[in-house]
């Protein structure tokens, strides 16, 4: 808990849930509350689940998971169990439960591992594997990107081997994610190029996570592949949203103009809103005035 007063937390929370404020301001409020942490911040963050924006609600779930505070479990379970909610929000709630990692969430994750929505069931299976890994002696390590990852990196240094695991659809998703985070942590151009090939994999959940980690690394090596996915209107909006935010985080030449193409009301809301947020990331990252600190997910 920081030195923020209850009154200050309430002021930031009120901004988060105010639909009349620009989305970029509400996102900053959300990540401010995440950085504060604690019971009162969690209460305000959870109110974000009442919003109309699927993008905001999914980021709310992400932030609750990153806090790793069991106080957030009841609201996350309720969101996961609500089949009327958007897949992107339920998926992120499942991943958040896995990030919190307490044994009490295992039954609900096992139940929804059979969910008919692939993004939800695959996420739940991943989270179950993470809990089993922890139960079998796995030790969490703080990511170099200050994120709680859905899978630990593999103890493997060979890029060829890691790429093979990354692309092997016959392996459990958990193992492939482990290869993904190993490549991310290596961070050199060859590793980033290997990671980007994952954008062609069959699972939308997998493609979206690849886009997210490419945004964390913020390497211009992957701009072309991310742009191709963003432009593909047949692509799952969850993937396109992550590609947009990754491009905003990378901030390479031409990205601003590309993101501006998707602000039309004809675009899927989660894509359009992601481009608004990504443009804000781009502006501030380039002005050095503010950093999103690679916090925004998927």
Protein backbone atom coordinates (compact mmCIF):
# COMPACT_ATOMS: atom_id res chain seq x y z
CA UNK A 1 0.00 0.00 0.00
CA UNK A 2 1.34 3.45 -0.92
CA UNK A 3 0.91 6.70 0.96
CA UNK A 4 -2.29 7.54 -0.90
CA UNK A 5 -5.14 8.62 1.35
CA UNK A 6 -8.59 7.07 1.16
CA UNK A 7 -9.88 10.33 -0.31
CA UNK A 8 -7.23 10.24 -3.05
CA UNK A 9 -8.05 6.61 -3.87
CA UNK A 10 -11.73 7.49 -4.13
CA UNK A 11 -10.90 10.37 -6.47
CA UNK A 12 -8.91 8.10 -8.77
CA UNK A 13 -11.62 5.43 -8.56
CA UNK A 14 -14.30 7.93 -9.50
CA UNK A 15 -12.31 8.78 -12.62
CA UNK A 16 -11.99 5.10 -13.53
CA UNK A 17 -15.75 4.51 -13.49
CA UNK A 18 -16.74 7.80 -15.14
CA UNK A 19 -17.86 6.96 -18.71
CA UNK A 20 -17.82 10.63 -19.64
CA UNK A 21 -14.06 10.86 -19.29
CA UNK A 22 -11.71 9.91 -22.16
CA UNK A 23 -10.73 6.26 -22.18
CA UNK A 24 -7.03 7.10 -21.95
CA UNK A 25 -7.62 8.96 -18.67
CA UNK A 26 -9.62 6.05 -17.26
CA UNK A 27 -6.82 3.63 -18.18
CA UNK A 28 -4.32 5.77 -16.35
CA UNK A 29 -6.64 5.82 -13.34
CA UNK A 30 -6.88 2.02 -13.49
CA UNK A 31 -3.13 1.52 -13.50
CA UNK A 32 -2.72 4.10 -10.75
CA UNK A 33 -5.08 2.02 -8.60
CA UNK A 34 -3.14 -1.11 -9.50
CA UNK A 35 0.07 0.52 -8.36
CA UNK A 36 -1.58 1.55 -5.10
CA UNK A 37 -3.02 -1.89 -4.35
CA UNK A 38 -4.83 -2.89 -1.18
CA UNK A 39 -8.47 -3.41 -0.26
CA UNK A 40 -9.81 0.00 -1.20
CA UNK A 41 -8.05 0.05 -4.58
CA UNK A 42 -9.37 -3.44 -5.36
CA UNK A 43 -12.91 -2.34 -4.50
CA UNK A 44 -12.68 0.56 -6.93
CA UNK A 45 -10.98 -1.48 -9.65
CA UNK A 46 -13.74 -4.10 -9.39
CA UNK A 47 -16.36 -1.45 -10.10
CA UNK A 48 -14.89 -1.27 -13.59
CA UNK A 49 -16.59 -4.58 -14.41
CA UNK A 50 -19.85 -2.63 -14.60
CA UNK A 51 -18.64 -0.60 -17.58
CA UNK A 52 -19.81 -1.09 -21.16
CA UNK A 53 -16.29 -1.25 -22.58
CA UNK A 54 -15.05 -4.82 -22.97
CA UNK A 55 -11.52 -3.46 -23.31
CA UNK A 56 -11.68 -1.65 -19.99
CA UNK A 57 -13.25 -4.64 -18.23
CA UNK A 58 -10.56 -6.94 -19.55
CA UNK A 59 -7.87 -4.56 -18.28
CA UNK A 60 -9.65 -4.47 -14.92
CA UNK A 61 -9.35 -8.26 -14.71
CA UNK A 62 -5.70 -8.11 -15.73
CA UNK A 63 -4.86 -5.57 -13.02
CA UNK A 64 -6.63 -7.60 -10.34
CA UNK A 65 -4.58 -10.64 -11.31
CA UNK A 66 -1.33 -8.71 -11.30
CA UNK A 67 -2.00 -7.61 -7.73
CA UNK A 68 -2.10 -11.30 -6.68
CA UNK A 69 -4.40 -10.39 -3.80
CA UNK A 70 -6.94 -13.10 -2.83
CA UNK A 71 -9.41 -10.32 -2.01
CA UNK A 72 -10.10 -10.11 -5.77
CA UNK A 73 -11.04 -13.79 -6.13
CA UNK A 74 -14.82 -13.49 -5.55
CA UNK A 75 -15.39 -10.85 -8.23
CA UNK A 76 -13.11 -12.62 -10.71
CA UNK A 77 -14.94 -15.92 -10.19
CA UNK A 78 -18.28 -14.19 -10.69
CA UNK A 79 -17.11 -12.71 -13.99
CA UNK A 80 -15.69 -16.02 -15.22
CA UNK A 81 -18.94 -17.79 -14.37
CA UNK A 82 -21.07 -15.26 -16.26
CA UNK A 83 -21.45 -16.80 -19.73
CA UNK A 84 -23.17 -13.64 -20.93
CA UNK A 85 -19.98 -11.63 -20.63
CA UNK A 86 -17.52 -11.07 -23.45
CA UNK A 87 -14.97 -13.83 -24.04
CA UNK A 88 -12.07 -11.40 -23.71
CA UNK A 89 -13.25 -10.42 -20.22
CA UNK A 90 -13.92 -13.98 -19.03
CA UNK A 91 -10.57 -15.13 -20.41
CA UNK A 92 -8.72 -12.38 -18.57
CA UNK A 93 -10.57 -13.17 -15.35
CA UNK A 94 -9.50 -16.81 -15.62
CA UNK A 95 -5.91 -15.78 -16.24
CA UNK A 96 -6.10 -13.42 -13.26
CA UNK A 97 -7.25 -16.27 -11.02
CA UNK A 98 -4.28 -18.29 -12.20
CA UNK A 99 -1.98 -15.35 -11.47
CA UNK A 100 -3.29 -15.10 -7.91
CA UNK A 101 -2.49 -18.80 -7.74
CA UNK A 102 -4.18 -19.91 -4.52
CA UNK A 103 -5.47 -23.52 -4.38
CA UNK A 104 -9.05 -22.40 -3.69
CA UNK A 105 -9.49 -21.29 -7.31
CA UNK A 106 -8.60 -24.70 -8.76
CA UNK A 107 -12.15 -26.18 -8.80
CA UNK A 108 -13.69 -23.28 -10.72
CA UNK A 109 -10.81 -23.24 -13.20
CA UNK A 110 -11.18 -26.98 -13.76
CA UNK A 111 -14.90 -26.55 -14.31
CA UNK A 112 -14.47 -23.86 -16.96
CA UNK A 113 -11.69 -25.77 -18.67
CA UNK A 114 -14.66 -27.38 -20.41
CA UNK A 115 -16.25 -24.07 -21.40
CA UNK A 116 -17.54 -23.97 -25.00
CA UNK A 117 -15.68 -20.71 -25.66
CA UNK A 118 -12.13 -21.69 -26.74
CA UNK A 119 -10.45 -18.57 -25.37
CA UNK A 120 -12.00 -19.28 -21.97
CA UNK A 121 -11.39 -23.02 -21.83
CA UNK A 122 -7.80 -22.73 -23.05
CA UNK A 123 -7.06 -20.02 -20.49
CA UNK A 124 -8.54 -22.12 -17.69
CA UNK A 125 -6.45 -25.12 -18.69
CA UNK A 126 -3.37 -22.89 -18.67
CA UNK A 127 -4.24 -21.57 -15.24
CA UNK A 128 -4.83 -25.09 -13.91
CA UNK A 129 -1.39 -26.11 -15.18
CA UNK A 130 0.13 -23.06 -13.50
CA UNK A 131 -1.48 -24.02 -10.16
CA UNK A 132 -0.24 -27.60 -10.52
CA UNK A 133 3.24 -26.30 -11.29
CA UNK A 134 3.16 -24.17 -8.14
CA UNK A 135 1.82 -27.09 -6.07
CA UNK A 136 4.69 -29.26 -7.30
CA UNK A 137 7.33 -26.88 -6.05
CA UNK A 138 7.44 -24.29 -8.82
CA UNK A 139 8.82 -20.98 -7.58
CA UNK A 140 7.54 -17.70 -8.95
CA UNK A 141 10.14 -15.31 -10.23
CA UNK A 142 9.55 -11.63 -10.86
CA UNK A 143 9.50 -11.03 -14.58
CA UNK A 144 12.01 -8.57 -15.95
CA UNK A 145 8.92 -6.79 -17.29
CA UNK A 146 7.35 -6.57 -13.81
CA UNK A 147 4.47 -8.81 -14.86
CA UNK A 148 3.02 -11.96 -13.33
CA UNK A 149 3.19 -14.31 -16.30
CA UNK A 150 0.75 -17.18 -16.92
CA UNK A 151 3.68 -19.60 -17.28
CA UNK A 152 7.32 -19.59 -16.14
CA UNK A 153 10.12 -19.47 -18.73
CA UNK A 154 11.82 -22.70 -19.67
CA UNK A 155 15.38 -23.40 -18.60
CA UNK A 156 16.49 -23.55 -22.23
CA UNK A 157 18.75 -21.17 -24.12
CA UNK A 158 18.65 -22.56 -27.67
CA UNK A 159 16.43 -20.40 -29.89
CA UNK A 160 15.88 -23.23 -32.39
CA UNK A 161 14.61 -25.54 -29.65
CA UNK A 162 12.45 -22.83 -28.11
CA UNK A 163 10.89 -21.97 -31.46
CA UNK A 164 10.13 -25.64 -32.09
CA UNK A 165 8.30 -25.88 -28.75
CA UNK A 166 6.53 -22.57 -29.39
CA UNK A 167 5.05 -23.79 -32.66
CA UNK A 168 4.26 -27.39 -31.67
CA UNK A 169 0.46 -27.51 -31.42
CA UNK A 170 0.60 -31.07 -30.08
CA UNK A 171 2.15 -29.83 -26.81
CA UNK A 172 0.18 -28.45 -23.86
CA UNK A 173 -0.35 -24.72 -24.15
CA UNK A 174 1.45 -24.27 -20.85
CA UNK A 175 4.68 -25.68 -22.31
CA UNK A 176 4.38 -23.50 -25.40
CA UNK A 177 3.83 -20.42 -23.24
CA UNK A 178 6.97 -21.32 -21.31
CA UNK A 179 8.94 -21.27 -24.56
CA UNK A 180 7.26 -17.98 -25.45
CA UNK A 181 8.40 -16.29 -22.25
CA UNK A 182 11.90 -17.70 -22.63
CA UNK A 183 12.17 -16.11 -26.06
CA UNK A 184 10.77 -12.86 -24.69
CA UNK A 185 13.34 -12.81 -21.91
CA UNK A 186 16.19 -13.38 -24.38
CA UNK A 187 14.96 -10.33 -26.28
CA UNK A 188 17.51 -10.30 -29.12
CA UNK A 189 16.45 -9.87 -32.73
CA UNK A 190 16.61 -13.58 -33.52
CA UNK A 191 14.43 -14.44 -30.53
CA UNK A 192 11.89 -11.74 -31.43
CA UNK A 193 11.73 -13.00 -35.00
CA UNK A 194 11.11 -16.52 -33.68
CA UNK A 195 8.38 -15.20 -31.39
CA UNK A 196 6.65 -13.38 -34.24
CA UNK A 197 6.15 -16.66 -36.10
CA UNK A 198 3.69 -17.56 -33.33
CA UNK A 199 1.28 -15.03 -34.80
CA UNK A 200 0.46 -17.64 -37.45
CA UNK A 201 -0.58 -20.34 -34.96
CA UNK A 202 -4.13 -21.70 -34.94
CA UNK A 203 -5.18 -20.64 -31.43
CA UNK A 204 -6.48 -17.08 -31.10
CA UNK A 205 -5.54 -17.15 -27.42
CA UNK A 206 -1.97 -18.08 -28.35
CA UNK A 207 -1.74 -15.41 -31.06
CA UNK A 208 -2.98 -12.76 -28.65
CA UNK A 209 -0.38 -13.70 -26.05
CA UNK A 210 2.38 -13.62 -28.66
CA UNK A 211 1.29 -10.10 -29.58
CA UNK A 212 1.29 -9.11 -25.93
CA UNK A 213 4.84 -10.29 -25.28
CA UNK A 214 6.03 -8.63 -28.46
CA UNK A 215 4.60 -5.42 -27.04
CA UNK A 216 6.45 -6.01 -23.78
CA UNK A 217 9.76 -6.38 -25.58
CA UNK A 218 8.89 -3.31 -27.68
CA UNK A 219 11.23 -4.32 -30.50
CA UNK A 220 10.69 -2.85 -33.98
CA UNK A 221 11.69 -6.25 -35.38
CA UNK A 222 8.07 -7.42 -35.10
CA UNK A 223 6.28 -4.32 -36.42
CA UNK A 224 5.56 -5.86 -39.82
CA UNK A 225 3.97 -9.04 -38.43
CA UNK A 226 1.92 -7.12 -35.86
CA UNK A 227 0.70 -4.70 -38.54
CA UNK A 228 -0.36 -7.56 -40.81
CA UNK A 229 -2.48 -9.04 -38.01
CA UNK A 230 -4.00 -5.69 -37.09
CA UNK A 231 -5.02 -5.09 -40.69
CA UNK A 232 -6.71 -8.49 -41.03
CA UNK A 233 -10.41 -7.80 -40.44
CA UNK A 234 -11.05 -11.56 -40.33
CA UNK A 235 -8.71 -11.91 -37.36
CA UNK A 236 -10.15 -12.37 -33.86
CA UNK A 237 -10.66 -8.88 -32.35
CA UNK A 238 -8.87 -10.07 -29.21
CA UNK A 239 -5.74 -10.60 -31.31
CA UNK A 240 -6.10 -7.35 -33.23
CA UNK A 241 -6.52 -5.43 -30.00
CA UNK A 242 -3.29 -6.87 -28.63
CA UNK A 243 -1.44 -6.11 -31.87
CA UNK A 244 -2.62 -2.50 -31.72
CA UNK A 245 -1.41 -2.01 -28.17
CA UNK A 246 1.87 -3.74 -28.94
CA UNK A 247 2.45 -1.35 -31.80
CA UNK A 248 1.65 1.59 -29.55
CA UNK A 249 4.21 0.34 -27.04
CA UNK A 250 6.85 -0.15 -29.72
CA UNK A 251 6.26 3.30 -31.13
CA UNK A 252 8.25 2.85 -34.34
CA UNK A 253 8.06 5.20 -37.32
CA UNK A 254 4.73 4.89 -39.16
CA UNK A 255 2.91 3.26 -36.23
CA UNK A 256 0.96 6.42 -35.37
CA UNK A 257 -0.46 6.68 -38.87
CA UNK A 258 -1.32 2.98 -38.92
CA UNK A 259 -3.19 3.08 -35.61
CA UNK A 260 -5.14 6.15 -36.69
CA UNK A 261 -6.74 4.09 -39.47
CA UNK A 262 -8.82 2.11 -36.98
CA UNK A 263 -10.62 4.88 -35.11
CA UNK A 264 -13.75 4.63 -37.24
CA UNK A 265 -17.05 3.66 -35.61
CA UNK A 266 -17.22 0.88 -38.21
CA UNK A 267 -14.40 -0.95 -36.40
CA UNK A 268 -15.00 -3.50 -33.66
CA UNK A 269 -15.16 -1.56 -30.40
CA UNK A 270 -12.32 -3.44 -28.72
CA UNK A 271 -10.05 -2.72 -31.71
CA UNK A 272 -11.04 0.92 -31.97
CA UNK A 273 -10.60 1.53 -28.26
CA UNK A 274 -7.27 -0.31 -28.24
CA UNK A 275 -6.01 2.02 -30.95
CA UNK A 276 -7.09 5.03 -28.86
CA UNK A 277 -5.10 3.68 -25.91
CA UNK A 278 -2.19 2.67 -28.15
CA UNK A 279 -1.98 6.17 -29.63
CA UNK A 280 -1.87 7.56 -26.10
CA UNK A 281 0.95 5.14 -25.28
CA UNK A 282 2.74 6.19 -28.45
CA UNK A 283 2.41 9.90 -27.67
CA UNK A 284 3.61 9.68 -24.11
CA UNK A 285 6.37 7.17 -24.76
CA UNK A 286 7.76 9.43 -27.45
CA UNK A 287 7.40 12.58 -25.34
CA UNK A 288 9.15 10.90 -22.37
CA UNK A 289 6.47 12.53 -20.23
CA UNK A 290 4.84 9.29 -19.12
CA UNK A 291 5.48 5.59 -19.40
CA UNK A 292 2.87 2.86 -19.36
CA UNK A 293 5.66 0.55 -18.16
CA UNK A 294 4.54 -2.31 -20.41
CA UNK A 295 1.55 -2.82 -18.12
CA UNK A 296 -1.34 -3.07 -20.53
CA UNK A 297 -2.53 -6.73 -21.37
CA UNK A 298 -4.24 -9.04 -22.73
